[in-house]
PDB file of all heavy atoms in Angstrom:
ATOM      1  N   SER A   1      71.895 138.874  86.957  1.00  0.00           N
ATOM      2  CA  SER A   1      71.864 137.434  87.192  1.00  0.00           C
ATOM      3  C   SER A   1      72.811 136.709  86.239  1.00  0.00           C
ATOM      4  O   SER A   1      72.910 137.041  85.061  1.00  0.00           O
ATOM      5  CB  SER A   1      70.439 136.911  87.001  1.00  0.00           C
ATOM      6  OG  SER A   1      70.411 135.510  86.863  1.00  0.00           O
ATOM      7  N   GLN A   2      73.503 135.690  86.735  1.00  0.00           N
ATOM      8  CA  GLN A   2      74.360 134.879  85.865  1.00  0.00           C
ATOM      9  C   GLN A   2      73.535 134.154  84.799  1.00  0.00           C
ATOM     10  O   GLN A   2      74.021 133.896  83.688  1.00  0.00           O
ATOM     11  CB  GLN A   2      75.140 133.861  86.707  1.00  0.00           C
ATOM     12  CG  GLN A   2      76.131 134.499  87.677  1.00  0.00           C
ATOM     13  CD  GLN A   2      77.314 135.123  86.956  1.00  0.00           C
ATOM     14  OE1 GLN A   2      78.224 134.428  86.532  1.00  0.00           O
ATOM     15  NE2 GLN A   2      77.290 136.447  86.796  1.00  0.00           N
ATOM     16  N   ALA A   3      72.287 133.855  85.121  1.00  0.00           N
ATOM     17  CA  ALA A   3      71.425 133.145  84.173  1.00  0.00           C
ATOM     18  C   ALA A   3      71.165 133.976  82.908  1.00  0.00           C
ATOM     19  O   ALA A   3      70.972 133.416  81.832  1.00  0.00           O
ATOM     20  CB  ALA A   3      70.099 132.779  84.838  1.00  0.00           C
ATOM     21  N   PHE A   4      71.163 135.304  83.049  1.00  0.00           N
ATOM     22  CA  PHE A   4      70.973 136.150  81.864  1.00  0.00           C
ATOM     23  C   PHE A   4      72.053 135.857  80.828  1.00  0.00           C
ATOM     24  O   PHE A   4      71.773 135.686  79.635  1.00  0.00           O
ATOM     25  CB  PHE A   4      71.010 137.634  82.237  1.00  0.00           C
ATOM     26  CG  PHE A   4      71.019 138.536  81.020  1.00  0.00           C
ATOM     27  CD1 PHE A   4      69.831 138.928  80.438  1.00  0.00           C
ATOM     28  CD2 PHE A   4      72.220 138.962  80.452  1.00  0.00           C
ATOM     29  CE1 PHE A   4      69.840 139.726  79.288  1.00  0.00           C
ATOM     30  CE2 PHE A   4      72.237 139.764  79.313  1.00  0.00           C
ATOM     31  CZ  PHE A   4      71.035 140.140  78.736  1.00  0.00           C
ATOM     32  N   TRP A   5      73.299 135.796  81.267  1.00  0.00           N
ATOM     33  CA  TRP A   5      74.427 135.599  80.342  1.00  0.00           C
ATOM     34  C   TRP A   5      74.414 134.199  79.755  1.00  0.00           C
ATOM     35  O   TRP A   5      74.798 133.997  78.594  1.00  0.00           O
ATOM     36  CB  TRP A   5      75.740 135.906  81.068  1.00  0.00           C
ATOM     37  CG  TRP A   5      75.696 137.269  81.683  1.00  0.00           C
ATOM     38  CD1 TRP A   5      75.517 137.582  83.012  1.00  0.00           C
ATOM     39  CD2 TRP A   5      75.767 138.532  80.990  1.00  0.00           C
ATOM     40  NE1 TRP A   5      75.479 138.941  83.181  1.00  0.00           N
ATOM     41  CE2 TRP A   5      75.627 139.553  81.968  1.00  0.00           C
ATOM     42  CE3 TRP A   5      75.935 138.884  79.655  1.00  0.00           C
ATOM     43  CZ2 TRP A   5      75.656 140.904  81.642  1.00  0.00           C
ATOM     44  CZ3 TRP A   5      75.958 140.231  79.313  1.00  0.00           C
ATOM     45  CH2 TRP A   5      75.821 141.232  80.304  1.00  0.00           C
ATOM     46  N   ASP A   6      73.926 133.220  80.541  1.00  0.00           N
ATOM     47  CA  ASP A   6      73.768 131.868  80.006  1.00  0.00           C
ATOM     48  C   ASP A   6      72.771 131.871  78.847  1.00  0.00           C
ATOM     49  O   ASP A   6      73.019 131.285  77.793  1.00  0.00           O
ATOM     50  CB  ASP A   6      73.269 130.912  81.099  1.00  0.00           C
ATOM     51  CG  ASP A   6      74.301 130.656  82.188  1.00  0.00           C
ATOM     52  OD1 ASP A   6      75.510 130.817  81.923  1.00  0.00           O
ATOM     53  OD2 ASP A   6      73.884 130.297  83.306  1.00  0.00           O
ATOM     54  N   HIS A   7      71.638 132.535  79.059  1.00  0.00           N
ATOM     55  CA  HIS A   7      70.620 132.638  78.001  1.00  0.00           C
ATOM     56  C   HIS A   7      71.187 133.353  76.780  1.00  0.00           C
ATOM     57  O   HIS A   7      70.959 132.941  75.635  1.00  0.00           O
ATOM     58  CB  HIS A   7      69.400 133.400  78.515  1.00  0.00           C
ATOM     59  CG  HIS A   7      68.491 132.611  79.405  1.00  0.00           C
ATOM     60  ND1 HIS A   7      67.788 131.505  78.966  1.00  0.00           N
ATOM     61  CD2 HIS A   7      68.159 132.770  80.711  1.00  0.00           C
ATOM     62  CE1 HIS A   7      67.066 131.017  79.956  1.00  0.00           C
ATOM     63  NE2 HIS A   7      67.274 131.764  81.035  1.00  0.00           N
ATOM     64  N   LEU A   8      71.906 134.445  77.036  1.00  0.00           N
ATOM     65  CA  LEU A   8      72.442 135.240  75.940  1.00  0.00           C
ATOM     66  C   LEU A   8      73.430 134.422  75.111  1.00  0.00           C
ATOM     67  O   LEU A   8      73.412 134.484  73.870  1.00  0.00           O
ATOM     68  CB  LEU A   8      73.128 136.494  76.492  1.00  0.00           C
ATOM     69  CG  LEU A   8      73.698 137.460  75.455  1.00  0.00           C
ATOM     70  CD1 LEU A   8      72.584 138.086  74.622  1.00  0.00           C
ATOM     71  CD2 LEU A   8      74.526 138.551  76.132  1.00  0.00           C
ATOM     72  N   ARG A   9      74.272 133.643  75.770  1.00  0.00           N
ATOM     73  CA  ARG A   9      75.260 132.834  75.051  1.00  0.00           C
ATOM     74  C   ARG A   9      74.561 131.823  74.136  1.00  0.00           C
ATOM     75  O   ARG A   9      74.992 131.583  72.999  1.00  0.00           O
ATOM     76  CB  ARG A   9      76.164 132.118  76.054  1.00  0.00           C
ATOM     77  CG  ARG A   9      77.194 131.182  75.415  1.00  0.00           C
ATOM     78  CD  ARG A   9      78.265 131.969  74.677  1.00  0.00           C
ATOM     79  NE  ARG A   9      79.245 131.124  74.008  1.00  0.00           N
ATOM     80  CZ  ARG A   9      80.259 130.512  74.603  1.00  0.00           C
ATOM     81  NH1 ARG A   9      80.418 130.590  75.919  1.00  0.00           N
ATOM     82  NH2 ARG A   9      81.114 129.810  73.905  1.00  0.00           N
ATOM     83  N   GLN A  10      73.491 131.223  74.621  1.00  0.00           N
ATOM     84  CA  GLN A  10      72.738 130.266  73.803  1.00  0.00           C
ATOM     85  C   GLN A  10      72.067 130.958  72.618  1.00  0.00           C
ATOM     86  O   GLN A  10      71.963 130.392  71.524  1.00  0.00           O
ATOM     87  CB  GLN A  10      71.681 129.565  74.663  1.00  0.00           C
ATOM     88  CG  GLN A  10      72.243 128.674  75.749  1.00  0.00           C
ATOM     89  CD  GLN A  10      71.182 128.155  76.697  1.00  0.00           C
ATOM     90  OE1 GLN A  10      69.989 128.397  76.507  1.00  0.00           O
ATOM     91  NE2 GLN A  10      71.610 127.440  77.727  1.00  0.00           N
ATOM     92  N   ASP A  11      71.650 132.185  72.846  1.00  0.00           N
ATOM     93  CA  ASP A  11      70.887 132.939  71.851  1.00  0.00           C
ATOM     94  C   ASP A  11      71.786 133.580  70.797  1.00  0.00           C
ATOM     95  O   ASP A  11      71.437 133.643  69.615  1.00  0.00           O
ATOM     96  CB  ASP A  11      70.086 134.022  72.582  1.00  0.00           C
ATOM     97  CG  ASP A  11      68.928 134.568  71.774  1.00  0.00           C
ATOM     98  OD1 ASP A  11      68.644 134.018  70.698  1.00  0.00           O
ATOM     99  OD2 ASP A  11      68.316 135.548  72.223  1.00  0.00           O
ATOM    100  N   GLU A  12      72.962 134.053  71.216  1.00  0.00           N
ATOM    101  CA  GLU A  12      73.824 134.852  70.328  1.00  0.00           C
ATOM    102  C   GLU A  12      75.082 134.133  69.839  1.00  0.00           C
ATOM    103  O   GLU A  12      75.689 134.540  68.865  1.00  0.00           O
ATOM    104  CB  GLU A  12      74.235 136.153  71.032  1.00  0.00           C
ATOM    105  CG  GLU A  12      73.334 137.326  70.753  1.00  0.00           C
ATOM    106  CD  GLU A  12      73.387 137.789  69.314  1.00  0.00           C
ATOM    107  OE1 GLU A  12      74.494 138.006  68.770  1.00  0.00           O
ATOM    108  OE2 GLU A  12      72.325 137.931  68.706  1.00  0.00           O
ATOM    109  N   ASN A  13      75.508 133.092  70.532  1.00  0.00           N
ATOM    110  CA  ASN A  13      76.667 132.313  70.108  1.00  0.00           C
ATOM    111  C   ASN A  13      77.912 133.182  69.891  1.00  0.00           C
ATOM    112  O   ASN A  13      78.561 133.145  68.845  1.00  0.00           O
ATOM    113  CB  ASN A  13      76.365 131.528  68.820  1.00  0.00           C
ATOM    114  CG  ASN A  13      77.455 130.512  68.503  1.00  0.00           C
ATOM    115  OD1 ASN A  13      78.083 129.966  69.411  1.00  0.00           O
ATOM    116  ND2 ASN A  13      77.692 130.272  67.225  1.00  0.00           N
ATOM    117  N   PHE A  14      78.240 133.996  70.898  1.00  0.00           N
ATOM    118  CA  PHE A  14      79.426 134.847  70.840  1.00  0.00           C
ATOM    119  C   PHE A  14      80.566 134.214  71.635  1.00  0.00           C
ATOM    120  O   PHE A  14      80.353 133.323  72.451  1.00  0.00           O
ATOM    121  CB  PHE A  14      79.112 136.237  71.395  1.00  0.00           C
ATOM    122  CG  PHE A  14      78.627 136.217  72.827  1.00  0.00           C
ATOM    123  CD1 PHE A  14      79.512 136.344  73.887  1.00  0.00           C
ATOM    124  CD2 PHE A  14      77.271 136.074  73.119  1.00  0.00           C
ATOM    125  CE1 PHE A  14      79.087 136.319  75.209  1.00  0.00           C
ATOM    126  CE2 PHE A  14      76.827 136.051  74.436  1.00  0.00           C
ATOM    127  CZ  PHE A  14      77.736 136.173  75.480  1.00  0.00           C
ATOM    128  N   ASP A  15      81.762 134.686  71.371  1.00  0.00           N
ATOM    129  CA  ASP A  15      82.939 134.238  72.118  1.00  0.00           C
ATOM    130  C   ASP A  15      83.141 135.216  73.276  1.00  0.00           C
ATOM    131  O   ASP A  15      83.508 136.370  73.057  1.00  0.00           O
ATOM    132  CB  ASP A  15      84.159 134.233  71.195  1.00  0.00           C
ATOM    133  CG  ASP A  15      85.438 133.799  71.913  1.00  0.00           C
ATOM    134  OD1 ASP A  15      85.417 133.635  73.142  1.00  0.00           O
ATOM    135  OD2 ASP A  15      86.463 133.649  71.222  1.00  0.00           O
ATOM    136  N   PRO A  16      82.928 134.785  74.518  1.00  0.00           N
ATOM    137  CA  PRO A  16      83.054 135.714  75.655  1.00  0.00           C
ATOM    138  C   PRO A  16      84.395 136.430  75.707  1.00  0.00           C
ATOM    139  O   PRO A  16      84.467 137.616  76.037  1.00  0.00           O
ATOM    140  CB  PRO A  16      82.859 134.812  76.878  1.00  0.00           C
ATOM    141  CG  PRO A  16      82.056 133.661  76.378  1.00  0.00           C
ATOM    142  CD  PRO A  16      82.525 133.427  74.971  1.00  0.00           C
ATOM    143  N   ALA A  17      85.470 135.728  75.347  1.00  0.00           N
ATOM    144  CA  ALA A  17      86.805 136.315  75.422  1.00  0.00           C
ATOM    145  C   ALA A  17      86.994 137.432  74.401  1.00  0.00           C
ATOM    146  O   ALA A  17      87.840 138.304  74.581  1.00  0.00           O
ATOM    147  CB  ALA A  17      87.859 135.245  75.214  1.00  0.00           C
ATOM    148  N   ARG A  18      86.193 137.417  73.331  1.00  0.00           N
ATOM    149  CA  ARG A  18      86.305 138.422  72.273  1.00  0.00           C
ATOM    150  C   ARG A  18      85.068 139.326  72.245  1.00  0.00           C
ATOM    151  O   ARG A  18      84.661 139.829  71.203  1.00  0.00           O
ATOM    152  CB  ARG A  18      86.513 137.742  70.919  1.00  0.00           C
ATOM    153  CG  ARG A  18      87.838 136.981  70.837  1.00  0.00           C
ATOM    154  CD  ARG A  18      88.080 136.414  69.445  1.00  0.00           C
ATOM    155  NE  ARG A  18      88.132 137.473  68.428  1.00  0.00           N
ATOM    156  CZ  ARG A  18      89.217 138.187  68.145  1.00  0.00           C
ATOM    157  NH1 ARG A  18      90.348 137.997  68.818  1.00  0.00           N
ATOM    158  NH2 ARG A  18      89.182 139.111  67.192  1.00  0.00           N
ATOM    159  N   THR A  19      84.483 139.522  73.422  1.00  0.00           N
ATOM    160  CA  THR A  19      83.271 140.330  73.552  1.00  0.00           C
ATOM    161  C   THR A  19      83.505 141.485  74.519  1.00  0.00           C
ATOM    162  O   THR A  19      84.112 141.302  75.574  1.00  0.00           O
ATOM    163  CB  THR A  19      82.092 139.455  74.042  1.00  0.00           C
ATOM    164  OG1 THR A  19      81.814 138.459  73.057  1.00  0.00           O
ATOM    165  CG2 THR A  19      80.848 140.296  74.278  1.00  0.00           C
ATOM    166  N   LEU A  20      83.008 142.649  74.139  1.00  0.00           N
ATOM    167  CA  LEU A  20      83.057 143.850  74.985  1.00  0.00           C
ATOM    168  C   LEU A  20      81.646 144.192  75.436  1.00  0.00           C
ATOM    169  O   LEU A  20      80.718 144.245  74.620  1.00  0.00           O
ATOM    170  CB  LEU A  20      83.633 145.023  74.182  1.00  0.00           C
ATOM    171  CG  LEU A  20      83.436 146.438  74.751  1.00  0.00           C
ATOM    172  CD1 LEU A  20      84.224 146.620  76.046  1.00  0.00           C
ATOM    173  CD2 LEU A  20      83.843 147.508  73.724  1.00  0.00           C
ATOM    174  N   LEU A  21      81.478 144.432  76.732  1.00  0.00           N
ATOM    175  CA  LEU A  21      80.226 144.965  77.277  1.00  0.00           C
ATOM    176  C   LEU A  21      80.475 146.393  77.745  1.00  0.00           C
ATOM    177  O   LEU A  21      81.416 146.645  78.499  1.00  0.00           O
ATOM    178  CB  LEU A  21      79.730 144.133  78.461  1.00  0.00           C
ATOM    179  CG  LEU A  21      78.572 144.758  79.264  1.00  0.00           C
ATOM    180  CD1 LEU A  21      77.295 144.819  78.433  1.00  0.00           C
ATOM    181  CD2 LEU A  21      78.335 144.007  80.570  1.00  0.00           C
ATOM    182  N   ILE A  22      79.622 147.317  77.297  1.00  0.00           N
ATOM    183  CA  ILE A  22      79.673 148.697  77.780  1.00  0.00           C
ATOM    184  C   ILE A  22      78.382 148.963  78.544  1.00  0.00           C
ATOM    185  O   ILE A  22      77.282 148.819  77.998  1.00  0.00           O
ATOM    186  CB  ILE A  22      79.817 149.699  76.616  1.00  0.00           C
ATOM    187  CG1 ILE A  22      80.988 149.319  75.709  1.00  0.00           C
ATOM    188  CG2 ILE A  22      79.996 151.114  77.161  1.00  0.00           C
ATOM    189  CD1 ILE A  22      81.159 150.222  74.498  1.00  0.00           C
ATOM    190  N   ASP A  23      78.506 149.348  79.813  1.00  0.00           N
ATOM    191  CA  ASP A  23      77.332 149.503  80.680  1.00  0.00           C
ATOM    192  C   ASP A  23      77.665 150.512  81.775  1.00  0.00           C
ATOM    193  O   ASP A  23      78.809 150.578  82.232  1.00  0.00           O
ATOM    194  CB  ASP A  23      76.977 148.146  81.308  1.00  0.00           C
ATOM    195  CG  ASP A  23      75.526 148.029  81.737  1.00  0.00           C
ATOM    196  OD1 ASP A  23      75.091 148.857  82.559  1.00  0.00           O
ATOM    197  OD2 ASP A  23      74.844 147.119  81.252  1.00  0.00           O
ATOM    198  N   ASP A  24      76.670 151.285  82.200  1.00  0.00           N
ATOM    199  CA  ASP A  24      76.904 152.239  83.286  1.00  0.00           C
ATOM    200  C   ASP A  24      76.632 151.635  84.659  1.00  0.00           C
ATOM    201  O   ASP A  24      76.924 152.256  85.677  1.00  0.00           O
ATOM    202  CB  ASP A  24      76.053 153.499  83.091  1.00  0.00           C
ATOM    203  CG  ASP A  24      74.565 153.220  83.236  1.00  0.00           C
ATOM    204  OD1 ASP A  24      74.041 152.362  82.498  1.00  0.00           O
ATOM    205  OD2 ASP A  24      73.907 153.858  84.074  1.00  0.00           O
ATOM    206  N   SER A  25      76.068 150.425  84.709  1.00  0.00           N
ATOM    207  CA  SER A  25      75.740 149.784  85.980  1.00  0.00           C
ATOM    208  C   SER A  25      76.908 148.955  86.485  1.00  0.00           C
ATOM    209  O   SER A  25      77.339 147.999  85.824  1.00  0.00           O
ATOM    210  CB  SER A  25      74.510 148.881  85.824  1.00  0.00           C
ATOM    211  OG  SER A  25      74.373 148.020  86.944  1.00  0.00           O
TER     212      SER A  25
END
């Protein structure tokens, strides 16, 4: 869900452009 990433951004205050996600899904 897009809402997950919205929550995460509020919670973690990361820069999306300087973030790496590693996932098998």
